[in-house]
Amino acid sequence: MNRSDTYNGRIRWTTNRTTPCAGLDIPVAEGLEIQTRDDAGLDQSLAGIRPNSPRSIALKSLAWPFTRPLEEFFGHQWLQHQLGRWLRRYATDQTCFLECGPGDMSFRRFLPRGAAYNTIEFAVSEFQIHRVVKKDPRVNFCIASITDIPVADNTCDIVACIEMLQQIIPADKAMSEIRRVAKPGAKLLCTIGNGKCDKVERKGKNRVYAHFWSDAEFQAIAARAGFKMLEHYQTGRWIRVPKWITERPLHLPITSGNEYYNSYFVYLFEIEK
């Protein structure tokens, strides 16, 4: 059965290029040089696929049901749940949805069953291609940059960006691309890290971030790009955990009245045209 005939809102990528992976022909944006190497995605000059051996894929597949709950606890999945509530408010089976920078692609769980999950990522592991793209027929994946999205103008009803806009140079180009591919009145769901919070001051800057915005600074960027803010809040109390327990930072879904103690900003925007 043809996937494009099965799920609504499935995007036709504006590219004819593909690269083989996991027995699939993965679409690749025109003009994007991709590489198969372990450090793909480490910076914005390294697009491509991070290879995994068959043994590695098998072991990761076995471990995934156990490591996933840890990601829910130590990761930022509670940020997904807030955006997921907004997604469920606005999305229908007919919605054309696009996620940029999907990570493990778990945000698709909040979409209506009949809607396609369209997503672009600059670099992806072969394991995630095996685990998600190959097995879930509603996933429509393309290797691409958010600064050059292979989607026609006025296509998307909802766009999501979770923890990635602060990594992009130039951010203004990313915002203009989102606006270009979005329909009038479309929604943007996004989160960014607080670049001026206590975690940054005490733990140091995240090496993958290119920008360290305050709430007001990012709101100003969004407003200049033509995004009208509908809802937003600050959250994420950083808890210092001894390194012998975990190297990963722990955040609790707690909101402080002082911006300095909130690690994340969460936004619902409407695209003005």
C-alpha atoms as a PDB file:
ATOM      1  CA  MET A   1       0.000   0.000   0.000  1.00  0.00           C
ATOM      2  CA  ASN A   2       1.319   3.447  -0.908  1.00  0.00           C
ATOM      3  CA  ARG A   3       1.964   5.454   2.248  1.00  0.00           C
ATOM      4  CA  SER A   4       0.922   8.704   0.567  1.00  0.00           C
ATOM      5  CA  ASP A   5      -2.528   7.199  -0.023  1.00  0.00           C
ATOM      6  CA  THR A   6      -2.887   6.093   3.587  1.00  0.00           C
ATOM      7  CA  TYR A   7      -2.192   9.104   5.785  1.00  0.00           C
ATOM      8  CA  ASN A   8      -3.486  12.648   5.376  1.00  0.00           C
ATOM      9  CA  GLY A   9      -1.249  15.700   5.220  1.00  0.00           C
ATOM     10  CA  ARG A  10       1.725  13.786   3.852  1.00  0.00           C
ATOM     11  CA  ILE A  11       4.251  16.230   2.402  1.00  0.00           C
ATOM     12  CA  ARG A  12       5.765  15.759  -1.034  1.00  0.00           C
ATOM     13  CA  TRP A  13       9.372  16.843  -0.528  1.00  0.00           C
ATOM     14  CA  THR A  14      10.704  19.256  -3.130  1.00  0.00           C
ATOM     15  CA  THR A  15      13.711  17.040  -3.886  1.00  0.00           C
ATOM     16  CA  ASN A  16      14.471  14.050  -6.084  1.00  0.00           C
ATOM     17  CA  ARG A  17      17.623  13.080  -4.227  1.00  0.00           C
ATOM     18  CA  THR A  18      17.799  10.024  -1.969  1.00  0.00           C
ATOM     19  CA  THR A  19      20.395   8.057  -0.047  1.00  0.00           C
ATOM     20  CA  PRO A  20      20.150   4.337   0.827  1.00  0.00           C
ATOM     21  CA  CYS A  21      19.823   3.338   4.482  1.00  0.00           C
ATOM     22  CA  ALA A  22      18.255   0.328   6.186  1.00  0.00           C
ATOM     23  CA  GLY A  23      16.858  -0.910   2.895  1.00  0.00           C
ATOM     24  CA  LEU A  24      15.074   2.395   2.249  1.00  0.00           C
ATOM     25  CA  ASP A  25      15.731   5.298  -0.088  1.00  0.00           C
ATOM     26  CA  ILE A  26      15.815   8.237   2.314  1.00  0.00           C
ATOM     27  CA  PRO A  27      14.965  11.634   0.737  1.00  0.00           C
ATOM     28  CA  VAL A  28      17.727  14.242   0.932  1.00  0.00           C
ATOM     29  CA  ALA A  29      17.325  17.985   0.335  1.00  0.00           C
ATOM     30  CA  GLU A  30      18.817  19.334  -2.875  1.00  0.00           C
ATOM     31  CA  GLY A  31      22.268  20.816  -2.438  1.00  0.00           C
ATOM     32  CA  LEU A  32      22.855  19.248   0.989  1.00  0.00           C
ATOM     33  CA  GLU A  33      26.096  17.329   1.205  1.00  0.00           C
ATOM     34  CA  ILE A  34      25.586  14.312   3.446  1.00  0.00           C
ATOM     35  CA  GLN A  35      28.139  11.986   4.964  1.00  0.00           C
ATOM     36  CA  THR A  36      28.018   8.639   6.714  1.00  0.00           C
ATOM     37  CA  ARG A  37      30.169   9.106   9.803  1.00  0.00           C
ATOM     38  CA  ASP A  38      29.936   8.806  13.568  1.00  0.00           C
ATOM     39  CA  ASP A  39      30.097  12.555  14.172  1.00  0.00           C
ATOM     40  CA  ALA A  40      27.388  13.522  11.674  1.00  0.00           C
ATOM     41  CA  GLY A  41      25.331  16.331  13.181  1.00  0.00           C
ATOM     42  CA  LEU A  42      28.057  17.428  15.572  1.00  0.00           C
ATOM     43  CA  ASP A  43      27.894  20.842  13.940  1.00  0.00           C
ATOM     44  CA  GLN A  44      26.059  22.493  11.068  1.00  0.00           C
ATOM     45  CA  SER A  45      28.702  21.468   8.527  1.00  0.00           C
ATOM     46  CA  LEU A  46      28.171  17.733   9.043  1.00  0.00           C
ATOM     47  CA  ALA A  47      24.839  16.543   7.685  1.00  0.00           C
ATOM     48  CA  GLY A  48      24.200  12.856   7.208  1.00  0.00           C
ATOM     49  CA  ILE A  49      23.744   9.473   8.832  1.00  0.00           C
ATOM     50  CA  ARG A  50      25.527   8.064  11.862  1.00  0.00           C
ATOM     51  CA  PRO A  51      26.177   4.404  11.024  1.00  0.00           C
ATOM     52  CA  ASN A  52      25.344   1.499  13.318  1.00  0.00           C
ATOM     53  CA  SER A  53      26.422  -2.099  12.848  1.00  0.00           C
ATOM     54  CA  PRO A  54      23.744  -4.834  12.733  1.00  0.00           C
ATOM     55  CA  ARG A  55      24.925  -5.970  16.173  1.00  0.00           C
ATOM     56  CA  SER A  56      24.664  -2.428  17.563  1.00  0.00           C
ATOM     57  CA  ILE A  57      21.169  -2.007  16.132  1.00  0.00           C
ATOM     58  CA  ALA A  58      20.077  -5.326  17.645  1.00  0.00           C
ATOM     59  CA  LEU A  59      21.470  -4.446  21.084  1.00  0.00           C
ATOM     60  CA  LYS A  60      19.961  -0.949  21.032  1.00  0.00           C
ATOM     61  CA  SER A  61      16.610  -2.389  19.999  1.00  0.00           C
ATOM     62  CA  LEU A  62      16.665  -4.761  22.964  1.00  0.00           C
ATOM     63  CA  ALA A  63      17.689  -1.989  25.369  1.00  0.00           C
ATOM     64  CA  TRP A  64      15.250   0.637  24.075  1.00  0.00           C
ATOM     65  CA  PRO A  65      12.218  -0.433  26.190  1.00  0.00           C
ATOM     66  CA  PHE A  66      14.387  -0.023  29.301  1.00  0.00           C
ATOM     67  CA  THR A  67      16.289   3.142  28.348  1.00  0.00           C
ATOM     68  CA  ARG A  68      13.170   4.959  27.147  1.00  0.00           C
ATOM     69  CA  PRO A  69      11.705   5.396  30.693  1.00  0.00           C
ATOM     70  CA  LEU A  70      15.031   6.904  31.777  1.00  0.00           C
ATOM     71  CA  GLU A  71      14.726   9.400  28.946  1.00  0.00           C
ATOM     72  CA  GLU A  72      11.262  10.307  30.216  1.00  0.00           C
ATOM     73  CA  PHE A  73      12.753  11.045  33.633  1.00  0.00           C
ATOM     74  CA  PHE A  74      16.150  12.570  32.872  1.00  0.00           C
ATOM     75  CA  GLY A  75      15.257  13.978  29.455  1.00  0.00           C
ATOM     76  CA  HIS A  76      12.851  16.715  28.500  1.00  0.00           C
ATOM     77  CA  GLN A  77       9.815  14.620  27.676  1.00  0.00           C
ATOM     78  CA  TRP A  78       7.595  16.689  29.961  1.00  0.00           C
ATOM     79  CA  LEU A  79       8.249  19.592  27.578  1.00  0.00           C
ATOM     80  CA  GLN A  80       6.847  17.360  24.842  1.00  0.00           C
ATOM     81  CA  HIS A  81       3.729  16.765  26.910  1.00  0.00           C
ATOM     82  CA  GLN A  82       2.942  20.491  27.074  1.00  0.00           C
ATOM     83  CA  LEU A  83       3.457  20.901  23.348  1.00  0.00           C
ATOM     84  CA  GLY A  84       1.476  17.699  22.885  1.00  0.00           C
ATOM     85  CA  ARG A  85      -1.529  19.229  24.632  1.00  0.00           C
ATOM     86  CA  TRP A  86      -1.417  22.132  22.187  1.00  0.00           C
ATOM     87  CA  LEU A  87      -0.971  19.759  19.256  1.00  0.00           C
ATOM     88  CA  ARG A  88      -4.034  17.772  20.284  1.00  0.00           C
ATOM     89  CA  ARG A  89      -5.987  21.015  20.616  1.00  0.00           C
ATOM     90  CA  TYR A  90      -5.323  22.111  17.042  1.00  0.00           C
ATOM     91  CA  ALA A  91      -4.523  18.961  15.027  1.00  0.00           C
ATOM     92  CA  THR A  92      -7.023  16.784  13.180  1.00  0.00           C
ATOM     93  CA  ASP A  93      -6.645  13.817  10.865  1.00  0.00           C
ATOM     94  CA  GLN A  94      -6.391  16.334   8.003  1.00  0.00           C
ATOM     95  CA  THR A  95      -3.554  18.376   9.549  1.00  0.00           C
ATOM     96  CA  CYS A  96      -0.304  18.817   7.643  1.00  0.00           C
ATOM     97  CA  PHE A  97       2.246  18.618  10.456  1.00  0.00           C
ATOM     98  CA  LEU A  98       6.024  19.094  10.274  1.00  0.00           C
ATOM     99  CA  GLU A  99       8.581  18.561  13.033  1.00  0.00           C
ATOM    100  CA  CYS A 100      12.085  19.981  12.596  1.00  0.00           C
ATOM    101  CA  GLY A 101      14.850  18.260  14.544  1.00  0.00           C
ATOM    102  CA  PRO A 102      12.788  15.361  15.937  1.00  0.00           C
ATOM    103  CA  GLY A 103      15.409  13.475  17.953  1.00  0.00           C
ATOM    104  CA  ASP A 104      13.927  10.048  18.633  1.00  0.00           C
ATOM    105  CA  MET A 105      10.712  11.053  16.807  1.00  0.00           C
ATOM    106  CA  SER A 106       8.605  10.334  19.887  1.00  0.00           C
ATOM    107  CA  PHE A 107       6.537  13.496  19.440  1.00  0.00           C
ATOM    108  CA  ARG A 108       4.531  11.672  16.775  1.00  0.00           C
ATOM    109  CA  ARG A 109       2.558   9.981  19.570  1.00  0.00           C
ATOM    110  CA  PHE A 110       0.538  13.182  20.044  1.00  0.00           C
ATOM    111  CA  LEU A 111      -0.676  13.343  16.429  1.00  0.00           C
ATOM    112  CA  PRO A 112      -4.128  12.038  15.442  1.00  0.00           C
ATOM    113  CA  ARG A 113      -3.916   8.499  14.072  1.00  0.00           C
ATOM    114  CA  GLY A 114      -4.880   9.499  10.554  1.00  0.00           C
ATOM    115  CA  ALA A 115      -2.291  12.276  10.132  1.00  0.00           C
ATOM    116  CA  ALA A 116       1.135  11.738   8.596  1.00  0.00           C
ATOM    117  CA  TYR A 117       4.190  12.516  10.690  1.00  0.00           C
ATOM    118  CA  ASN A 118       6.403  14.637   8.434  1.00  0.00           C
ATOM    119  CA  THR A 119       9.838  15.413   9.807  1.00  0.00           C
ATOM    120  CA  ILE A 120      13.236  16.726   8.784  1.00  0.00           C
ATOM    121  CA  GLU A 121      16.543  16.163  10.535  1.00  0.00           C
ATOM    122  CA  PHE A 122      20.035  17.374   9.679  1.00  0.00           C
ATOM    123  CA  ALA A 123      21.639  14.173  10.926  1.00  0.00           C
ATOM    124  CA  VAL A 124      20.137  10.886  12.081  1.00  0.00           C
ATOM    125  CA  SER A 125      21.407   7.572  13.414  1.00  0.00           C
ATOM    126  CA  GLU A 126      20.917   4.430  11.370  1.00  0.00           C
ATOM    127  CA  PHE A 127      19.306   2.925  14.466  1.00  0.00           C
ATOM    128  CA  GLN A 128      16.488   5.480  14.390  1.00  0.00           C
ATOM    129  CA  ILE A 129      15.925   4.775  10.691  1.00  0.00           C
ATOM    130  CA  HIS A 130      15.538   1.084  11.567  1.00  0.00           C
ATOM    131  CA  ARG A 131      13.491   1.704  14.710  1.00  0.00           C
ATOM    132  CA  VAL A 132      11.056   4.348  13.442  1.00  0.00           C
ATOM    133  CA  VAL A 133      11.214   5.284   9.760  1.00  0.00           C
ATOM    134  CA  LYS A 134      11.295   1.699   8.518  1.00  0.00           C
ATOM    135  CA  LYS A 135       8.589   0.421  10.865  1.00  0.00           C
ATOM    136  CA  ASP A 136       6.030   3.229  11.158  1.00  0.00           C
ATOM    137  CA  PRO A 137       4.213   3.777   7.829  1.00  0.00           C
ATOM    138  CA  ARG A 138       2.983   7.240   8.720  1.00  0.00           C
ATOM    139  CA  VAL A 139       6.537   8.579   9.180  1.00  0.00           C
ATOM    140  CA  ASN A 140       7.651  10.737   6.238  1.00  0.00           C
ATOM    141  CA  PHE A 141      11.317  11.571   6.811  1.00  0.00           C
ATOM    142  CA  CYS A 142      13.809  13.737   4.922  1.00  0.00           C
ATOM    143  CA  ILE A 143      17.410  14.694   5.675  1.00  0.00           C
ATOM    144  CA  ALA A 144      17.408  18.478   5.461  1.00  0.00           C
ATOM    145  CA  SER A 145      18.297  21.702   7.234  1.00  0.00           C
ATOM    146  CA  ILE A 146      15.729  23.982   8.843  1.00  0.00           C
ATOM    147  CA  THR A 147      17.440  26.856   7.019  1.00  0.00           C
ATOM    148  CA  ASP A 148      16.453  25.295   3.671  1.00  0.00           C
ATOM    149  CA  ILE A 149      13.310  23.211   4.178  1.00  0.00           C
ATOM    150  CA  PRO A 150      12.397  21.094   1.101  1.00  0.00           C
ATOM    151  CA  VAL A 151       8.700  21.951   1.324  1.00  0.00           C
ATOM    152  CA  ALA A 152       6.561  24.159  -0.925  1.00  0.00           C
ATOM    153  CA  ASP A 153       5.268  27.523   0.282  1.00  0.00           C
ATOM    154  CA  ASN A 154       2.073  27.624   2.385  1.00  0.00           C
ATOM    155  CA  THR A 155       1.975  23.877   3.054  1.00  0.00           C
ATOM    156  CA  CYS A 156       1.992  23.220   6.804  1.00  0.00           C
ATOM    157  CA  ASP A 157      -0.771  23.704   9.382  1.00  0.00           C
ATOM    158  CA  ILE A 158       1.475  23.071  12.409  1.00  0.00           C
ATOM    159  CA  VAL A 159       5.264  23.128  12.806  1.00  0.00           C
ATOM    160  CA  ALA A 160       7.124  21.896  15.895  1.00  0.00           C
ATOM    161  CA  CYS A 161      10.723  22.606  16.983  1.00  0.00           C
ATOM    162  CA  ILE A 162      11.777  21.122  20.305  1.00  0.00           C
ATOM    163  CA  GLU A 163      15.122  22.211  21.749  1.00  0.00           C
ATOM    164  CA  MET A 164      16.761  23.045  18.440  1.00  0.00           C
ATOM    165  CA  LEU A 165      16.279  26.669  17.336  1.00  0.00           C
ATOM    166  CA  GLN A 166      19.020  27.875  19.705  1.00  0.00           C
ATOM    167  CA  GLN A 167      21.444  25.598  17.827  1.00  0.00           C
ATOM    168  CA  ILE A 168      20.878  27.177  14.421  1.00  0.00           C
ATOM    169  CA  ILE A 169      23.081  29.717  12.657  1.00  0.00           C
ATOM    170  CA  PRO A 170      21.476  31.828  11.294  1.00  0.00           C
ATOM    171  CA  ALA A 171      18.362  31.651  13.450  1.00  0.00           C
ATOM    172  CA  ASP A 172      16.596  34.365  11.439  1.00  0.00           C
ATOM    173  CA  LYS A 173      16.853  32.184   8.316  1.00  0.00           C
ATOM    174  CA  ALA A 174      15.307  29.257  10.184  1.00  0.00           C
ATOM    175  CA  MET A 175      12.401  31.389  11.361  1.00  0.00           C
ATOM    176  CA  SER A 176      11.800  32.772   7.870  1.00  0.00           C
ATOM    177  CA  GLU A 177      11.804  29.235   6.438  1.00  0.00           C
ATOM    178  CA  ILE A 178       9.209  28.104   8.959  1.00  0.00           C
ATOM    179  CA  ARG A 179       7.081  31.087   8.044  1.00  0.00           C
ATOM    180  CA  ARG A 180       7.492  30.363   4.319  1.00  0.00           C
ATOM    181  CA  VAL A 181       6.307  26.738   4.487  1.00  0.00           C
ATOM    182  CA  ALA A 182       3.442  27.523   6.902  1.00  0.00           C
ATOM    183  CA  LYS A 183      -0.072  28.428   5.883  1.00  0.00           C
ATOM    184  CA  PRO A 184      -1.599  31.713   7.085  1.00  0.00           C
ATOM    185  CA  GLY A 185      -2.716  31.174  10.667  1.00  0.00           C
ATOM    186  CA  ALA A 186      -0.586  28.054  11.124  1.00  0.00           C
ATOM    187  CA  LYS A 187       0.813  27.269  14.571  1.00  0.00           C
ATOM    188  CA  LEU A 188       4.420  26.962  15.705  1.00  0.00           C
ATOM    189  CA  LEU A 189       5.070  24.871  18.817  1.00  0.00           C
ATOM    190  CA  CYS A 190       8.567  25.292  20.183  1.00  0.00           C
ATOM    191  CA  THR A 191      10.821  25.165  23.205  1.00  0.00           C
ATOM    192  CA  ILE A 192      14.249  26.708  23.720  1.00  0.00           C
ATOM    193  CA  GLY A 193      16.760  26.612  26.523  1.00  0.00           C
ATOM    194  CA  ASN A 194      17.143  29.638  28.790  1.00  0.00           C
ATOM    195  CA  GLY A 195      20.570  30.934  27.867  1.00  0.00           C
ATOM    196  CA  LYS A 196      20.875  33.031  30.993  1.00  0.00           C
ATOM    197  CA  CYS A 197      19.694  30.665  33.737  1.00  0.00           C
ATOM    198  CA  ASP A 198      21.479  29.395  36.825  1.00  0.00           C
ATOM    199  CA  LYS A 199      22.364  26.095  35.111  1.00  0.00           C
ATOM    200  CA  VAL A 200      24.297  27.910  32.382  1.00  0.00           C
ATOM    201  CA  GLU A 201      26.089  30.078  34.939  1.00  0.00           C
ATOM    202  CA  ARG A 202      27.019  27.209  37.266  1.00  0.00           C
ATOM    203  CA  LYS A 203      27.427  24.270  34.877  1.00  0.00           C
ATOM    204  CA  GLY A 204      28.687  26.089  31.786  1.00  0.00           C
ATOM    205  CA  LYS A 205      27.318  26.682  28.314  1.00  0.00           C
ATOM    206  CA  ASN A 206      25.924  23.800  26.273  1.00  0.00           C
ATOM    207  CA  ARG A 207      28.481  23.221  23.530  1.00  0.00           C
ATOM    208  CA  VAL A 208      25.848  22.567  20.859  1.00  0.00           C
ATOM    209  CA  TYR A 209      24.053  25.882  21.456  1.00  0.00           C
ATOM    210  CA  ALA A 210      24.830  28.793  19.164  1.00  0.00           C
ATOM    211  CA  HIS A 211      22.551  31.259  20.979  1.00  0.00           C
ATOM    212  CA  PHE A 212      21.933  31.963  24.650  1.00  0.00           C
ATOM    213  CA  TRP A 213      18.712  33.949  24.606  1.00  0.00           C
ATOM    214  CA  SER A 214      16.575  35.304  27.385  1.00  0.00           C
ATOM    215  CA  ASP A 215      12.795  34.947  27.099  1.00  0.00           C
ATOM    216  CA  ALA A 216      12.405  38.560  25.943  1.00  0.00           C
ATOM    217  CA  GLU A 217      15.198  38.239  23.377  1.00  0.00           C
ATOM    218  CA  PHE A 218      13.636  35.200  21.704  1.00  0.00           C
ATOM    219  CA  GLN A 219      10.165  36.720  21.764  1.00  0.00           C
ATOM    220  CA  ALA A 220      11.588  39.755  19.952  1.00  0.00           C
ATOM    221  CA  ILE A 221      13.179  37.523  17.290  1.00  0.00           C
ATOM    222  CA  ALA A 222       9.901  35.688  16.766  1.00  0.00           C
ATOM    223  CA  ALA A 223       7.914  38.918  16.544  1.00  0.00           C
ATOM    224  CA  ARG A 224      10.274  40.356  13.923  1.00  0.00           C
ATOM    225  CA  ALA A 225       9.825  37.172  11.864  1.00  0.00           C
ATOM    226  CA  GLY A 226       6.020  37.530  11.918  1.00  0.00           C
ATOM    227  CA  PHE A 227       5.060  35.155  14.721  1.00  0.00           C
ATOM    228  CA  LYS A 228       2.282  36.173  17.083  1.00  0.00           C
ATOM    229  CA  MET A 229       2.592  34.623  20.551  1.00  0.00           C
ATOM    230  CA  LEU A 230      -0.595  32.969  21.792  1.00  0.00           C
ATOM    231  CA  GLU A 231       0.696  31.246  24.947  1.00  0.00           C
ATOM    232  CA  HIS A 232       4.017  30.730  26.668  1.00  0.00           C
ATOM    233  CA  TYR A 233       5.559  29.858  29.995  1.00  0.00           C
ATOM    234  CA  GLN A 234       8.890  29.252  31.700  1.00  0.00           C
ATOM    235  CA  THR A 235       9.747  26.001  33.460  1.00  0.00           C
ATOM    236  CA  GLY A 236      12.410  23.432  34.284  1.00  0.00           C
ATOM    237  CA  ARG A 237      14.122  23.652  37.665  1.00  0.00           C
ATOM    238  CA  TRP A 238      17.655  22.340  37.331  1.00  0.00           C
ATOM    239  CA  ILE A 239      18.739  19.918  40.050  1.00  0.00           C
ATOM    240  CA  ARG A 240      22.437  19.300  40.551  1.00  0.00           C
ATOM    241  CA  VAL A 241      22.984  15.535  40.618  1.00  0.00           C
ATOM    242  CA  PRO A 242      26.328  13.960  41.697  1.00  0.00           C
ATOM    243  CA  LYS A 243      28.330  12.785  38.670  1.00  0.00           C
ATOM    244  CA  TRP A 244      28.666   9.299  40.158  1.00  0.00           C
ATOM    245  CA  ILE A 245      24.900   8.937  39.731  1.00  0.00           C
ATOM    246  CA  THR A 246      24.633  10.374  36.210  1.00  0.00           C
ATOM    247  CA  GLU A 247      26.398  12.795  33.900  1.00  0.00           C
ATOM    248  CA  ARG A 248      23.055  13.927  32.550  1.00  0.00           C
ATOM    249  CA  PRO A 249      21.381  17.054  33.946  1.00  0.00           C
ATOM    250  CA  LEU A 250      18.123  16.598  35.806  1.00  0.00           C
ATOM    251  CA  HIS A 251      15.268  19.074  35.379  1.00  0.00           C
ATOM    252  CA  LEU A 252      11.955  19.049  37.157  1.00  0.00           C
ATOM    253  CA  PRO A 253       8.754  20.462  35.594  1.00  0.00           C
ATOM    254  CA  ILE A 254       8.637  23.249  38.170  1.00  0.00           C
ATOM    255  CA  THR A 255       8.050  26.900  37.308  1.00  0.00           C
ATOM    256  CA  SER A 256       9.789  29.652  39.259  1.00  0.00           C
ATOM    257  CA  GLY A 257       8.639  33.247  39.394  1.00  0.00           C
ATOM    258  CA  ASN A 258      12.265  34.174  38.742  1.00  0.00           C
ATOM    259  CA  GLU A 259      13.324  33.579  35.117  1.00  0.00           C
ATOM    260  CA  TYR A 260      16.868  32.813  36.290  1.00  0.00           C
ATOM    261  CA  TYR A 261      15.723  29.508  37.812  1.00  0.00           C
ATOM    262  CA  ASN A 262      13.755  28.284  34.771  1.00  0.00           C
ATOM    263  CA  SER A 263      15.854  26.283  32.309  1.00  0.00           C
ATOM    264  CA  TYR A 264      13.343  26.316  29.435  1.00  0.00           C
ATOM    265  CA  PHE A 265      10.894  28.538  27.593  1.00  0.00           C
ATOM    266  CA  VAL A 266       7.815  26.981  25.975  1.00  0.00           C
ATOM    267  CA  TYR A 267       5.880  28.769  23.221  1.00  0.00           C
ATOM    268  CA  LEU A 268       2.763  28.552  21.108  1.00  0.00           C
ATOM    269  CA  PHE A 269       2.923  30.987  18.181  1.00  0.00           C
ATOM    270  CA  GLU A 270       0.610  31.751  15.302  1.00  0.00           C
ATOM    271  CA  ILE A 271       2.165  32.560  11.938  1.00  0.00           C
ATOM    272  CA  GLU A 272       1.010  35.911  10.584  1.00  0.00           C
ATOM    273  CA  LYS A 273       0.926  36.370   6.816  1.00  0.00           C
END
